[in-house]
N, C-alpha and C. Protein backbone atom coordinates (compact mmCIF):
# COMPACT_ATOMS: atom_id res chain seq x y z
N MET A 1 -190.07 -72.53 -162.66
CA MET A 1 -190.23 -73.08 -164.04
C MET A 1 -191.47 -72.96 -164.94
N ASN A 2 -191.55 -72.51 -165.87
CA ASN A 2 -193.15 -72.21 -166.25
C ASN A 2 -192.75 -73.76 -167.10
N ARG A 3 -194.09 -74.27 -168.03
CA ARG A 3 -194.48 -75.17 -168.77
C ARG A 3 -193.81 -75.33 -169.99
N SER A 4 -193.10 -74.42 -170.50
CA SER A 4 -192.52 -74.57 -171.87
C SER A 4 -190.95 -74.32 -171.42
N GLU A 5 -190.96 -74.32 -170.37
CA GLU A 5 -189.15 -74.51 -170.31
C GLU A 5 -189.05 -75.95 -169.69
N LYS A 6 -190.36 -76.17 -168.88
CA LYS A 6 -190.02 -77.64 -168.78
C LYS A 6 -190.17 -78.66 -169.65
N ASP A 7 -190.91 -78.61 -170.92
CA ASP A 7 -190.80 -79.25 -171.84
C ASP A 7 -190.30 -79.00 -172.83
N GLU A 8 -189.16 -77.97 -172.91
CA GLU A 8 -187.77 -77.76 -173.14
C GLU A 8 -187.10 -78.89 -172.70
N ILE A 9 -186.67 -78.75 -171.48
CA ILE A 9 -185.75 -79.74 -170.46
C ILE A 9 -186.19 -81.23 -170.94
N ILE A 10 -187.64 -81.30 -170.86
CA ILE A 10 -188.06 -82.97 -171.22
C ILE A 10 -187.37 -83.55 -172.56
N GLY A 11 -187.80 -82.24 -173.28
CA GLY A 11 -187.08 -82.82 -174.96
C GLY A 11 -185.51 -82.80 -174.71
N GLN A 12 -184.57 -82.11 -174.14
CA GLN A 12 -183.55 -82.25 -174.66
C GLN A 12 -182.91 -83.37 -173.24
N ILE A 13 -184.01 -84.11 -172.74
CA ILE A 13 -183.56 -85.28 -171.84
C ILE A 13 -183.76 -86.64 -172.98
N LYS A 14 -184.71 -86.46 -173.67
CA LYS A 14 -185.10 -87.18 -174.72
C LYS A 14 -183.83 -87.59 -175.53
N GLU A 15 -183.86 -86.75 -175.88
CA GLU A 15 -182.82 -86.48 -177.16
C GLU A 15 -181.35 -87.11 -176.51
N LEU A 16 -180.73 -87.08 -175.49
CA LEU A 16 -179.79 -87.43 -174.51
C LEU A 16 -180.34 -89.19 -174.85
N VAL A 17 -181.03 -89.12 -173.82
CA VAL A 17 -181.68 -90.89 -173.81
C VAL A 17 -181.26 -91.42 -175.29
N GLU A 18 -182.36 -90.89 -176.24
CA GLU A 18 -182.14 -91.38 -177.62
C GLU A 18 -180.67 -92.02 -178.20
N GLY A 19 -179.87 -90.73 -177.80
CA GLY A 19 -178.34 -90.94 -178.50
C GLY A 19 -177.54 -91.35 -177.99
N ALA A 20 -178.01 -92.37 -176.80
CA ALA A 20 -177.20 -92.82 -175.59
C ALA A 20 -177.11 -94.22 -175.69
N SER A 21 -175.86 -94.94 -175.85
CA SER A 21 -176.16 -96.67 -175.83
C SER A 21 -176.12 -97.21 -174.51
N ALA A 22 -175.57 -96.03 -173.37
CA ALA A 22 -175.76 -96.47 -171.96
C ALA A 22 -176.20 -95.25 -171.15
N ILE A 23 -176.56 -95.13 -170.16
CA ILE A 23 -177.26 -94.21 -169.02
C ILE A 23 -177.06 -94.66 -167.76
N PHE A 24 -176.55 -93.78 -167.14
CA PHE A 24 -176.04 -94.37 -165.47
C PHE A 24 -176.43 -93.41 -164.78
N LEU A 25 -177.15 -93.82 -163.24
CA LEU A 25 -177.48 -92.92 -162.42
C LEU A 25 -176.92 -93.16 -161.18
N VAL A 26 -176.24 -92.05 -160.52
CA VAL A 26 -175.41 -91.96 -159.69
C VAL A 26 -176.31 -90.60 -158.58
N ASP A 27 -176.13 -91.51 -156.95
CA ASP A 27 -176.24 -90.29 -156.01
C ASP A 27 -174.85 -89.28 -155.78
N TYR A 28 -175.20 -88.28 -156.15
CA TYR A 28 -174.01 -87.21 -155.51
C TYR A 28 -174.12 -86.21 -154.45
N ALA A 29 -175.08 -86.88 -153.66
CA ALA A 29 -175.41 -85.87 -152.13
C ALA A 29 -174.19 -85.75 -151.56
N LYS A 30 -173.73 -86.85 -151.48
CA LYS A 30 -172.06 -86.29 -150.20
C LYS A 30 -170.69 -85.76 -151.15
N VAL A 31 -170.85 -85.35 -152.61
CA VAL A 31 -170.16 -85.20 -152.99
C VAL A 31 -169.88 -83.76 -153.29
N ASN A 32 -168.64 -82.92 -152.91
CA ASN A 32 -168.69 -81.68 -153.08
C ASN A 32 -168.61 -80.83 -154.37
N VAL A 33 -168.16 -79.60 -154.42
CA VAL A 33 -168.19 -78.83 -155.56
C VAL A 33 -167.14 -79.01 -156.30
N GLN A 34 -166.02 -79.34 -155.56
CA GLN A 34 -164.72 -79.47 -156.25
C GLN A 34 -164.28 -80.79 -156.83
N ASP A 35 -165.04 -81.65 -156.01
CA ASP A 35 -164.87 -82.92 -156.71
C ASP A 35 -165.72 -83.32 -157.91
N ILE A 36 -167.35 -82.50 -157.96
CA ILE A 36 -168.57 -82.52 -158.78
C ILE A 36 -167.55 -82.14 -160.29
N SER A 37 -166.70 -81.11 -159.94
CA SER A 37 -166.35 -80.35 -161.29
C SER A 37 -165.06 -81.25 -161.85
N LYS A 38 -164.63 -82.12 -160.66
CA LYS A 38 -163.53 -83.24 -161.65
C LYS A 38 -164.09 -84.60 -162.33
N LEU A 39 -165.14 -84.68 -161.44
CA LEU A 39 -165.69 -85.89 -162.16
C LEU A 39 -166.37 -85.47 -163.33
N ARG A 40 -167.34 -83.84 -163.28
CA ARG A 40 -167.46 -83.96 -165.03
C ARG A 40 -166.25 -83.85 -166.05
N THR A 41 -165.04 -83.53 -165.40
CA THR A 41 -164.07 -83.14 -166.37
C THR A 41 -163.46 -84.60 -166.72
N SER A 42 -163.72 -85.41 -165.74
CA SER A 42 -163.11 -87.21 -166.08
C SER A 42 -164.08 -87.65 -166.64
N PHE A 43 -165.50 -87.24 -166.90
CA PHE A 43 -166.83 -87.92 -167.87
C PHE A 43 -166.36 -87.34 -169.06
N ARG A 44 -166.28 -86.21 -169.58
CA ARG A 44 -166.17 -85.30 -170.50
C ARG A 44 -164.86 -85.59 -171.49
N ASN A 45 -163.91 -86.33 -170.99
CA ASN A 45 -162.77 -86.48 -171.55
C ASN A 45 -163.03 -87.95 -171.65
N ASP A 46 -163.51 -88.68 -171.14
CA ASP A 46 -164.07 -90.28 -171.90
C ASP A 46 -165.34 -90.06 -172.72
N GLY A 47 -165.95 -88.96 -173.26
CA GLY A 47 -166.67 -88.71 -174.03
C GLY A 47 -168.51 -88.67 -173.59
N VAL A 48 -168.49 -88.84 -172.30
CA VAL A 48 -169.76 -89.03 -171.40
C VAL A 48 -170.26 -87.79 -171.05
N THR A 49 -171.37 -87.22 -171.58
CA THR A 49 -172.21 -86.33 -171.05
C THR A 49 -173.20 -86.33 -169.71
N TYR A 50 -172.53 -85.80 -169.04
CA TYR A 50 -172.77 -85.81 -167.23
C TYR A 50 -174.04 -84.56 -166.77
N LYS A 51 -175.52 -84.87 -166.62
CA LYS A 51 -176.16 -84.01 -166.25
C LYS A 51 -176.83 -84.13 -165.08
N VAL A 52 -177.36 -83.33 -164.51
CA VAL A 52 -178.36 -83.48 -163.52
C VAL A 52 -179.85 -82.64 -163.47
N PHE A 53 -180.49 -83.10 -163.63
CA PHE A 53 -182.19 -82.81 -164.06
C PHE A 53 -183.34 -82.96 -162.61
N LYS A 54 -184.34 -81.95 -162.70
CA LYS A 54 -185.43 -82.78 -161.46
C LYS A 54 -185.57 -84.12 -162.09
N ASN A 55 -185.79 -84.98 -160.71
CA ASN A 55 -186.17 -86.35 -161.21
C ASN A 55 -187.44 -86.20 -161.94
N THR A 56 -188.58 -85.86 -161.59
CA THR A 56 -189.63 -85.55 -161.91
C THR A 56 -189.38 -85.47 -163.44
N LEU A 57 -189.03 -84.38 -163.87
CA LEU A 57 -188.93 -84.52 -165.33
C LEU A 57 -187.95 -85.26 -166.11
N VAL A 58 -186.96 -86.11 -165.55
CA VAL A 58 -186.61 -87.46 -166.10
C VAL A 58 -187.74 -88.15 -166.12
N LYS A 59 -188.46 -88.90 -165.07
CA LYS A 59 -189.64 -89.73 -165.16
C LYS A 59 -190.35 -89.24 -166.21
N LYS A 60 -191.06 -88.02 -166.76
CA LYS A 60 -191.73 -87.46 -167.62
C LYS A 60 -191.31 -87.88 -168.85
N ALA A 61 -189.67 -87.46 -168.92
CA ALA A 61 -189.29 -87.91 -170.22
C ALA A 61 -188.87 -89.98 -170.63
N LEU A 62 -188.69 -90.35 -169.46
CA LEU A 62 -188.86 -91.93 -169.57
C LEU A 62 -189.74 -92.51 -170.08
N ALA A 63 -191.20 -92.08 -169.49
CA ALA A 63 -192.40 -92.21 -169.76
C ALA A 63 -192.99 -92.48 -170.99
N SER A 64 -192.66 -91.29 -171.60
CA SER A 64 -192.72 -90.55 -172.82
C SER A 64 -192.10 -91.45 -173.98
N LEU A 65 -190.98 -92.09 -173.66
CA LEU A 65 -190.18 -92.42 -174.46
C LEU A 65 -190.57 -94.26 -174.39
N GLY A 66 -191.23 -94.73 -173.49
CA GLY A 66 -191.40 -95.78 -173.22
C GLY A 66 -190.37 -96.64 -172.75
N LYS A 67 -189.48 -96.02 -172.28
CA LYS A 67 -188.36 -97.33 -172.14
C LYS A 67 -187.43 -97.03 -170.72
N TYR A 68 -187.03 -97.85 -170.22
CA TYR A 68 -185.66 -97.38 -168.63
C TYR A 68 -186.69 -97.42 -167.95
N GLU A 69 -187.83 -98.21 -167.59
CA GLU A 69 -188.86 -98.27 -166.64
C GLU A 69 -188.08 -98.61 -165.37
N LYS A 70 -186.92 -99.10 -165.10
CA LYS A 70 -186.50 -99.78 -163.43
C LYS A 70 -185.73 -98.15 -163.37
N LEU A 71 -185.19 -97.44 -163.94
CA LEU A 71 -184.53 -96.11 -163.73
C LEU A 71 -185.80 -95.48 -162.78
N ASN A 72 -187.21 -95.46 -162.60
CA ASN A 72 -187.89 -94.46 -162.20
C ASN A 72 -187.32 -95.12 -160.50
N ASP A 73 -187.58 -96.44 -160.22
CA ASP A 73 -187.02 -96.39 -158.24
C ASP A 73 -185.94 -95.45 -158.28
N ASN A 74 -184.89 -94.98 -158.88
CA ASN A 74 -183.86 -95.03 -158.53
C ASN A 74 -183.77 -93.39 -158.44
N LEU A 75 -184.85 -92.67 -159.08
CA LEU A 75 -184.68 -91.30 -159.36
C LEU A 75 -185.55 -90.87 -157.86
N VAL A 76 -184.64 -90.82 -156.93
CA VAL A 76 -184.92 -90.45 -155.65
C VAL A 76 -183.58 -89.81 -155.22
N GLY A 77 -184.08 -88.38 -154.91
CA GLY A 77 -182.66 -87.68 -153.96
C GLY A 77 -181.98 -86.86 -155.24
N MET A 78 -180.60 -86.57 -154.57
CA MET A 78 -179.78 -85.81 -155.48
C MET A 78 -179.12 -86.79 -156.48
N ILE A 79 -179.36 -86.88 -157.97
CA ILE A 79 -179.32 -87.80 -158.91
C ILE A 79 -178.64 -87.07 -159.91
N GLY A 80 -177.36 -87.27 -160.52
CA GLY A 80 -176.69 -87.39 -161.59
C GLY A 80 -176.81 -88.22 -162.73
N ILE A 81 -176.82 -88.03 -163.73
CA ILE A 81 -177.34 -89.15 -164.71
C ILE A 81 -176.11 -88.83 -165.99
N ALA A 82 -175.26 -90.30 -166.42
CA ALA A 82 -174.00 -90.00 -167.04
C ALA A 82 -175.10 -90.95 -168.56
N PHE A 83 -174.89 -90.21 -169.50
CA PHE A 83 -175.19 -90.44 -170.85
C PHE A 83 -173.82 -91.19 -171.55
N ALA A 84 -173.87 -91.98 -172.07
CA ALA A 84 -172.57 -92.43 -172.87
C ALA A 84 -173.12 -93.08 -174.28
N LYS A 85 -172.33 -92.56 -175.00
CA LYS A 85 -172.34 -92.99 -176.63
C LYS A 85 -171.91 -93.93 -177.15
N GLU A 86 -170.52 -93.89 -177.43
CA GLU A 86 -170.10 -95.11 -178.03
C GLU A 86 -169.08 -96.07 -176.81
N ASN A 87 -168.47 -95.62 -175.97
CA ASN A 87 -168.08 -95.98 -175.23
C ASN A 87 -168.90 -95.98 -173.64
N TYR A 88 -169.58 -97.09 -173.56
CA TYR A 88 -170.20 -97.68 -172.71
C TYR A 88 -170.01 -97.88 -171.13
N ILE A 89 -168.74 -98.34 -171.25
CA ILE A 89 -167.78 -98.54 -170.08
C ILE A 89 -167.42 -97.58 -169.29
N ALA A 90 -167.31 -96.38 -170.14
CA ALA A 90 -166.18 -95.20 -169.49
C ALA A 90 -166.80 -94.93 -168.47
N PRO A 91 -168.27 -94.67 -168.31
CA PRO A 91 -168.96 -94.42 -166.85
C PRO A 91 -168.82 -95.11 -165.70
N ALA A 92 -168.81 -96.02 -166.09
CA ALA A 92 -168.67 -97.10 -164.41
C ALA A 92 -167.16 -97.33 -164.12
N LYS A 93 -166.69 -97.03 -165.16
CA LYS A 93 -164.52 -96.91 -164.76
C LYS A 93 -164.59 -95.69 -164.42
N VAL A 94 -165.19 -94.21 -164.56
CA VAL A 94 -164.78 -92.85 -163.82
C VAL A 94 -165.78 -93.24 -162.15
N ILE A 95 -167.10 -93.70 -162.35
CA ILE A 95 -167.78 -94.10 -161.01
C ILE A 95 -166.94 -94.69 -160.18
N LYS A 96 -166.08 -95.95 -160.59
CA LYS A 96 -165.62 -97.04 -159.88
C LYS A 96 -164.37 -96.38 -159.31
N LYS A 97 -163.65 -95.48 -160.16
CA LYS A 97 -162.24 -94.89 -159.13
C LYS A 97 -162.63 -93.90 -158.72
N TYR A 98 -163.71 -92.87 -158.67
CA TYR A 98 -163.98 -91.94 -157.72
C TYR A 98 -164.61 -92.54 -156.59
N ASN A 99 -165.32 -93.77 -156.63
CA ASN A 99 -165.79 -94.56 -155.36
C ASN A 99 -164.71 -94.99 -154.75
N ASP A 100 -163.98 -95.74 -155.50
CA ASP A 100 -162.73 -96.49 -154.50
C ASP A 100 -161.99 -95.55 -153.63
N GLU A 101 -162.18 -93.85 -154.27
CA GLU A 101 -160.96 -93.26 -153.62
C GLU A 101 -161.70 -92.48 -152.64
N LYS A 102 -163.01 -92.10 -152.90
CA LYS A 102 -163.67 -90.91 -151.43
C LYS A 102 -164.91 -91.89 -151.09
N GLN A 103 -165.76 -92.94 -151.77
CA GLN A 103 -166.63 -93.65 -151.16
C GLN A 103 -167.75 -92.58 -151.11
N LYS A 104 -167.98 -92.07 -151.74
CA LYS A 104 -169.15 -90.91 -151.96
C LYS A 104 -170.53 -90.81 -153.01
N PHE A 105 -169.51 -91.12 -154.52
CA PHE A 105 -170.41 -90.95 -155.47
C PHE A 105 -171.15 -92.45 -155.40
N VAL A 106 -172.49 -92.50 -155.43
CA VAL A 106 -173.17 -93.83 -155.11
C VAL A 106 -173.91 -94.16 -155.85
N PHE A 107 -173.41 -95.44 -156.85
CA PHE A 107 -174.23 -95.66 -158.51
C PHE A 107 -175.59 -96.45 -157.99
N ARG A 108 -176.45 -95.63 -158.55
CA ARG A 108 -177.66 -96.30 -158.41
C ARG A 108 -178.31 -97.50 -159.46
N GLY A 109 -177.75 -97.58 -160.71
CA GLY A 109 -178.25 -98.58 -161.70
C GLY A 109 -177.58 -97.69 -163.14
N CYS A 110 -177.90 -98.56 -163.79
CA CYS A 110 -177.71 -97.83 -165.25
C CYS A 110 -178.11 -99.19 -166.11
N TYR A 111 -178.44 -98.47 -167.61
CA TYR A 111 -178.97 -99.67 -168.67
C TYR A 111 -177.63 -99.53 -169.69
N ILE A 112 -177.51 -100.40 -170.33
CA ILE A 112 -176.65 -101.02 -171.17
C ILE A 112 -177.17 -101.30 -172.33
N GLU A 113 -177.29 -100.70 -173.79
CA GLU A 113 -177.50 -101.03 -174.83
C GLU A 113 -179.44 -101.94 -174.19
N ASN A 114 -180.21 -101.53 -173.73
CA ASN A 114 -181.43 -101.86 -173.29
C ASN A 114 -181.47 -103.24 -172.07
N GLU A 115 -180.31 -103.11 -171.62
CA GLU A 115 -180.03 -104.19 -170.50
C GLU A 115 -179.93 -103.21 -169.10
N TYR A 116 -180.69 -103.56 -168.04
CA TYR A 116 -180.64 -102.97 -166.71
C TYR A 116 -179.88 -103.55 -165.66
N TYR A 117 -178.81 -103.00 -165.33
CA TYR A 117 -177.89 -102.99 -164.13
C TYR A 117 -178.06 -102.62 -163.00
N ASP A 118 -178.26 -103.37 -162.16
CA ASP A 118 -178.22 -102.54 -160.55
C ASP A 118 -176.95 -102.29 -159.93
N ALA A 119 -176.98 -101.75 -158.92
CA ALA A 119 -176.49 -101.10 -158.23
C ALA A 119 -174.90 -102.43 -157.67
N SER A 120 -175.23 -103.50 -157.60
CA SER A 120 -174.25 -104.67 -157.29
C SER A 120 -173.35 -104.90 -158.67
N LYS A 121 -173.78 -104.31 -159.90
CA LYS A 121 -173.10 -104.92 -160.92
C LYS A 121 -171.79 -103.68 -161.52
N LEU A 122 -171.42 -102.61 -160.53
CA LEU A 122 -170.62 -101.64 -160.83
C LEU A 122 -168.80 -102.40 -160.93
N ASP A 123 -168.90 -103.03 -160.13
CA ASP A 123 -167.30 -103.62 -160.41
C ASP A 123 -167.44 -104.36 -161.77
N ALA A 124 -168.38 -105.37 -162.12
CA ALA A 124 -168.26 -106.26 -163.35
C ALA A 124 -168.47 -105.37 -164.43
N ILE A 125 -169.16 -104.27 -164.35
CA ILE A 125 -169.39 -103.43 -165.39
C ILE A 125 -167.66 -102.50 -165.46
N ALA A 126 -167.10 -102.07 -164.65
CA ALA A 126 -166.31 -101.92 -164.89
C ALA A 126 -165.12 -102.12 -165.50
N THR A 127 -164.48 -103.33 -165.21
CA THR A 127 -163.56 -104.63 -165.63
C THR A 127 -163.94 -105.04 -166.97
N MET A 128 -165.05 -104.77 -167.29
CA MET A 128 -165.22 -105.06 -168.61
C MET A 128 -164.72 -104.76 -169.80
N PRO A 129 -164.24 -105.31 -170.59
CA PRO A 129 -163.32 -104.45 -172.26
C PRO A 129 -164.39 -103.66 -173.15
N THR A 130 -163.78 -102.56 -173.47
CA THR A 130 -164.52 -101.84 -174.25
C THR A 130 -165.01 -102.22 -175.73
N LYS A 131 -165.74 -101.53 -176.64
CA LYS A 131 -165.96 -102.31 -177.87
C LYS A 131 -164.77 -102.03 -178.59
N GLU A 132 -163.76 -101.29 -178.57
CA GLU A 132 -162.71 -101.07 -178.88
C GLU A 132 -161.54 -102.01 -178.88
N GLU A 133 -161.65 -102.33 -177.59
CA GLU A 133 -160.95 -103.53 -177.23
C GLU A 133 -160.71 -104.82 -177.25
N ILE A 134 -162.50 -105.40 -177.71
CA ILE A 134 -162.73 -106.42 -177.88
C ILE A 134 -162.67 -106.52 -179.54
N ILE A 135 -162.54 -105.70 -180.32
CA ILE A 135 -162.66 -105.85 -181.67
C ILE A 135 -160.99 -105.74 -181.64
N ALA A 136 -160.41 -105.23 -181.28
CA ALA A 136 -158.99 -105.25 -181.52
C ALA A 136 -158.32 -106.48 -181.11
N ALA A 137 -158.71 -107.36 -180.29
CA ALA A 137 -158.67 -108.85 -179.47
C ALA A 137 -159.01 -109.70 -181.02
N ILE A 138 -160.30 -109.36 -181.30
CA ILE A 138 -160.78 -110.26 -182.21
C ILE A 138 -159.93 -109.75 -183.37
N ILE A 139 -159.40 -108.85 -184.07
CA ILE A 139 -158.80 -108.97 -185.11
C ILE A 139 -157.34 -109.38 -185.07
N GLY A 140 -156.88 -109.25 -183.75
CA GLY A 140 -155.54 -109.56 -183.45
C GLY A 140 -155.89 -111.46 -183.36
N SER A 141 -156.68 -112.00 -183.03
CA SER A 141 -156.72 -113.06 -183.08
C SER A 141 -157.02 -113.67 -184.55
N VAL A 142 -157.68 -113.17 -185.41
CA VAL A 142 -158.00 -113.25 -186.83
C VAL A 142 -156.71 -113.23 -187.73
N ALA A 143 -155.94 -111.96 -187.16
CA ALA A 143 -154.96 -111.87 -187.70
C ALA A 143 -153.59 -112.85 -187.98
N ALA A 144 -153.32 -113.19 -186.51
CA ALA A 144 -152.05 -114.24 -186.35
C ALA A 144 -152.18 -115.05 -187.08
N PRO A 145 -153.10 -115.89 -186.92
CA PRO A 145 -153.41 -117.36 -187.98
C PRO A 145 -152.71 -116.70 -189.59
N ALA A 146 -153.85 -115.80 -190.01
CA ALA A 146 -153.18 -115.20 -191.28
C ALA A 146 -151.74 -114.85 -191.83
N SER A 147 -151.22 -114.34 -190.74
CA SER A 147 -150.21 -114.06 -191.06
C SER A 147 -148.63 -115.54 -190.97
N GLY A 148 -149.56 -116.05 -189.84
CA GLY A 148 -148.67 -117.37 -190.02
C GLY A 148 -148.80 -118.23 -191.42
N ILE A 149 -149.54 -118.04 -191.93
CA ILE A 149 -150.17 -119.01 -193.19
C ILE A 149 -149.49 -118.18 -194.40
N VAL A 150 -149.06 -116.87 -194.34
CA VAL A 150 -148.43 -116.21 -195.27
C VAL A 150 -147.26 -116.47 -195.12
N GLY A 151 -146.59 -116.64 -193.78
CA GLY A 151 -145.26 -116.68 -193.90
C GLY A 151 -145.37 -118.34 -194.10
N ALA A 152 -146.01 -119.07 -193.85
CA ALA A 152 -145.70 -120.51 -194.56
C ALA A 152 -145.71 -120.73 -196.03
N ILE A 153 -146.34 -119.65 -196.90
CA ILE A 153 -146.44 -119.94 -197.90
C ILE A 153 -145.11 -119.16 -198.37
N ASN A 154 -144.69 -118.01 -198.29
CA ASN A 154 -143.54 -117.76 -198.46
C ASN A 154 -142.81 -118.45 -198.32
N ALA A 155 -142.03 -118.93 -197.69
CA ALA A 155 -141.48 -120.05 -197.20
C ALA A 155 -141.25 -121.71 -197.92
N VAL A 156 -142.60 -121.75 -198.57
CA VAL A 156 -142.76 -122.77 -199.47
C VAL A 156 -142.09 -122.17 -201.00
N ILE A 157 -142.51 -120.93 -200.85
CA ILE A 157 -142.08 -120.13 -202.56
C ILE A 157 -140.59 -120.22 -202.62
N ARG A 158 -140.36 -119.63 -201.25
CA ARG A 158 -138.67 -119.37 -201.27
C ARG A 158 -138.03 -120.54 -201.31
N ASP A 159 -138.22 -121.92 -201.00
CA ASP A 159 -137.67 -123.30 -201.14
C ASP A 159 -137.79 -123.54 -202.72
N LEU A 160 -139.20 -123.80 -203.13
CA LEU A 160 -139.18 -123.72 -204.29
C LEU A 160 -138.42 -122.68 -205.73
N VAL A 161 -138.11 -121.60 -205.14
CA VAL A 161 -137.34 -120.53 -206.00
C VAL A 161 -135.84 -121.26 -205.84
N SER A 162 -135.50 -121.63 -204.42
CA SER A 162 -134.18 -122.27 -204.43
C SER A 162 -133.74 -123.61 -205.10
N VAL A 163 -134.82 -124.49 -205.02
CA VAL A 163 -134.43 -125.67 -205.93
C VAL A 163 -134.44 -125.36 -207.61
N VAL A 164 -135.40 -124.61 -207.75
CA VAL A 164 -135.28 -124.05 -209.15
C VAL A 164 -133.50 -123.71 -209.70
N ASP A 165 -133.28 -122.44 -208.41
CA ASP A 165 -132.17 -121.87 -209.07
C ASP A 165 -130.91 -123.17 -208.82
N GLN A 166 -130.71 -124.02 -208.17
CA GLN A 166 -129.71 -125.02 -207.78
C GLN A 166 -129.79 -125.99 -209.42
N ILE A 167 -131.48 -126.13 -209.61
CA ILE A 167 -131.37 -127.06 -210.91
C ILE A 167 -130.96 -126.69 -212.18
N SER A 168 -131.53 -125.47 -212.13
CA SER A 168 -130.82 -124.68 -213.15
C SER A 168 -128.95 -124.26 -213.41
N LYS A 169 -128.32 -124.19 -211.96
CA LYS A 169 -126.84 -124.31 -212.30
C LYS A 169 -126.39 -125.68 -212.48
N ARG A 170 -126.84 -126.61 -212.14
CA ARG A 170 -126.66 -128.01 -212.36
C ARG A 170 -126.82 -128.10 -214.01
N GLU A 171 -127.77 -127.98 -214.60
CA GLU A 171 -127.66 -127.75 -215.89
C GLU A 171 -126.83 -127.37 -216.56
N ALA A 172 -126.34 -126.07 -216.07
CA ALA A 172 -126.00 -125.01 -216.77
C ALA A 172 -124.40 -125.35 -216.88
N ALA A 173 -123.79 -126.75 -215.55
CA ALA A 173 -122.31 -126.89 -215.65
C ALA A 173 -122.16 -128.05 -216.08
């Protein structure tokens, strides 16, 4: 691989890193080709980009960006990188699911929104709700009291209309 090819790959890595809300490192040394294909499909279905680069090129790209220094210690061996854009929990769920089934895909660490999490945090990350789930819960909790207020106001108006109707019937009689 010549210098221009390396520079092109470093540029591609930097672009993926800058566009990601989360970056997950996994050791895929014990995973066979068939399972890697399934994992790539699972990642793709969840909107996650999974790539394998030379560790030295990843280190150079991260150094030039000046962030994610803690990943450097984990860039040893056969490392795959999952880049998540919107759904930063999706890679953790895919990794945990495969790890529970086969115990071969080893989570090394990740950054989520500039916060580093080591390998011991996989279970906690995988069980976290997604942004969409959190937003839905907040909207649901905000909407529930509002719908109750609307119902109460409608009941008062309905009762008032009923009273006015009864008064007008009495005066007509």
